[in-house]
């Protein structure tokens, strides 16, 4: 099987617990993927503004390569559901490893937001 590469497109190192229990750190690549966001004021509720966020274009994503997975934020991954090369650190409570203060120090898996068969 060919070697699979990971390119971390976040600003943070990603610690992942491998199946053998060892922790592997994937350092930031220096490139950062982002999603453009615009907000419009919708209403005020008891003195609090309520804004509507609309997600726009994604920047900082290289073209797909057969041997490479891109690690991004969940927002970037959800904005590109047709890209099956994009994964995110799985911060679900069953996957996140936390320190005594509750900070995530590692994850035990990645997650994907790929569009599945039958979805439009």
Protein backbone atom coordinates (compact mmCIF):
# COMPACT_ATOMS: atom_id res chain seq x y z
CA UNK A 1 0.00 0.00 0.00
CA UNK A 2 1.22 3.50 -0.84
CA UNK A 3 2.22 5.87 1.93
CA UNK A 4 -0.52 8.34 2.79
CA UNK A 5 0.50 11.90 3.63
CA UNK A 6 -1.28 14.36 5.89
CA UNK A 7 -1.15 18.12 5.31
CA UNK A 8 -2.31 20.10 8.32
CA UNK A 9 -4.07 23.24 7.04
CA UNK A 10 -4.85 24.54 10.55
CA UNK A 11 -2.75 26.86 12.70
CA UNK A 12 -2.43 24.24 15.44
CA UNK A 13 -0.53 21.00 15.84
CA UNK A 14 -2.83 17.97 15.86
CA UNK A 15 -2.12 15.13 18.30
CA UNK A 16 -3.70 11.85 17.24
CA UNK A 17 -3.67 8.63 19.27
CA UNK A 18 -2.76 5.81 16.89
CA UNK A 19 -4.39 2.38 17.12
CA UNK A 20 -1.23 1.12 18.87
CA UNK A 21 -1.67 3.77 21.61
CA UNK A 22 1.22 5.99 20.52
CA UNK A 23 0.52 9.69 19.98
CA UNK A 24 1.53 11.18 16.64
CA UNK A 25 1.78 14.95 16.23
CA UNK A 26 0.97 16.45 12.84
CA UNK A 27 2.50 19.91 12.68
CA UNK A 28 0.88 22.85 10.85
CA UNK A 29 2.02 23.06 7.23
CA UNK A 30 2.18 26.86 7.22
CA UNK A 31 -0.83 27.02 4.89
CA UNK A 32 -4.19 27.75 6.52
CA UNK A 33 -7.56 26.93 4.97
CA UNK A 34 -10.35 29.40 5.76
CA UNK A 35 -14.05 29.88 5.01
CA UNK A 36 -15.29 33.39 4.27
CA UNK A 37 -18.18 34.39 6.51
CA UNK A 38 -20.61 37.30 6.37
CA UNK A 39 -23.00 38.27 9.13
CA UNK A 40 -26.20 40.28 9.01
CA UNK A 41 -28.19 41.61 11.94
CA UNK A 42 -31.49 39.76 12.32
CA UNK A 43 -32.98 41.07 15.56
CA UNK A 44 -32.38 42.15 19.11
CA UNK A 45 -33.60 39.96 21.96
CA UNK A 46 -33.63 41.50 25.45
CA UNK A 47 -30.64 43.68 24.59
CA UNK A 48 -28.67 40.96 22.74
CA UNK A 49 -28.05 41.15 19.01
CA UNK A 50 -28.81 38.03 16.97
CA UNK A 51 -26.72 37.75 13.80
CA UNK A 52 -27.17 35.40 10.84
CA UNK A 53 -23.91 33.88 9.59
CA UNK A 54 -23.64 32.89 5.94
CA UNK A 55 -20.63 30.85 4.84
CA UNK A 56 -18.96 31.71 1.56
CA UNK A 57 -15.93 30.61 -0.41
CA UNK A 58 -13.07 28.54 0.94
CA UNK A 59 -9.46 29.66 0.48
CA UNK A 60 -6.15 27.94 1.10
CA UNK A 61 -7.12 24.47 -0.18
CA UNK A 62 -4.68 22.79 -2.57
CA UNK A 63 -5.85 20.52 -5.37
CA UNK A 64 -6.53 16.89 -4.42
CA UNK A 65 -3.72 14.31 -4.57
CA UNK A 66 -4.35 10.56 -4.47
CA UNK A 67 -1.91 9.99 -1.58
CA UNK A 68 -2.79 13.00 0.60
CA UNK A 69 -5.40 13.87 3.19
CA UNK A 70 -5.87 17.53 4.12
CA UNK A 71 -6.56 18.27 7.79
CA UNK A 72 -8.81 21.31 8.18
CA UNK A 73 -11.27 22.85 10.60
CA UNK A 74 -14.76 21.37 10.68
CA UNK A 75 -16.16 24.53 9.06
CA UNK A 76 -13.86 24.15 6.05
CA UNK A 77 -14.69 20.45 5.73
CA UNK A 78 -18.45 21.09 5.93
CA UNK A 79 -18.16 23.80 3.26
CA UNK A 80 -16.55 21.27 0.85
CA UNK A 81 -18.65 18.07 1.17
CA UNK A 82 -17.56 16.77 -2.25
CA UNK A 83 -13.85 16.69 -1.29
CA UNK A 84 -13.14 13.19 0.02
CA UNK A 85 -9.54 14.17 0.80
CA UNK A 86 -10.53 16.53 3.63
CA UNK A 87 -10.67 15.32 7.24
CA UNK A 88 -10.78 17.05 10.62
CA UNK A 89 -9.66 16.17 14.13
CA UNK A 90 -12.60 14.36 15.74
CA UNK A 91 -13.39 16.46 18.80
CA UNK A 92 -16.55 14.51 19.62
CA UNK A 93 -16.66 13.71 23.37
CA UNK A 94 -15.95 10.01 22.66
CA UNK A 95 -12.81 10.89 20.66
CA UNK A 96 -11.31 13.89 22.44
CA UNK A 97 -8.60 13.28 25.04
CA UNK A 98 -8.65 16.05 27.64
CA UNK A 99 -6.27 17.20 30.36
CA UNK A 100 -7.30 17.87 33.97
CA UNK A 101 -8.50 21.36 33.00
CA UNK A 102 -10.73 20.05 30.21
CA UNK A 103 -8.50 21.18 27.33
CA UNK A 104 -8.25 18.86 24.33
CA UNK A 105 -4.71 17.46 24.14
CA UNK A 106 -5.31 14.76 21.50
CA UNK A 107 -7.99 12.97 19.51
CA UNK A 108 -8.39 9.27 18.88
CA UNK A 109 -9.68 9.63 15.33
CA UNK A 110 -10.40 11.92 12.43
CA UNK A 111 -13.86 12.71 11.11
CA UNK A 112 -15.18 13.49 7.65
CA UNK A 113 -18.15 15.48 6.38
CA UNK A 114 -18.22 13.93 2.92
CA UNK A 115 -21.45 13.88 1.02
CA UNK A 116 -22.67 10.31 0.96
CA UNK A 117 -24.37 8.47 -1.89
CA UNK A 118 -27.89 9.62 -2.64
CA UNK A 119 -27.45 13.15 -1.29
CA UNK A 120 -27.90 16.06 -3.63
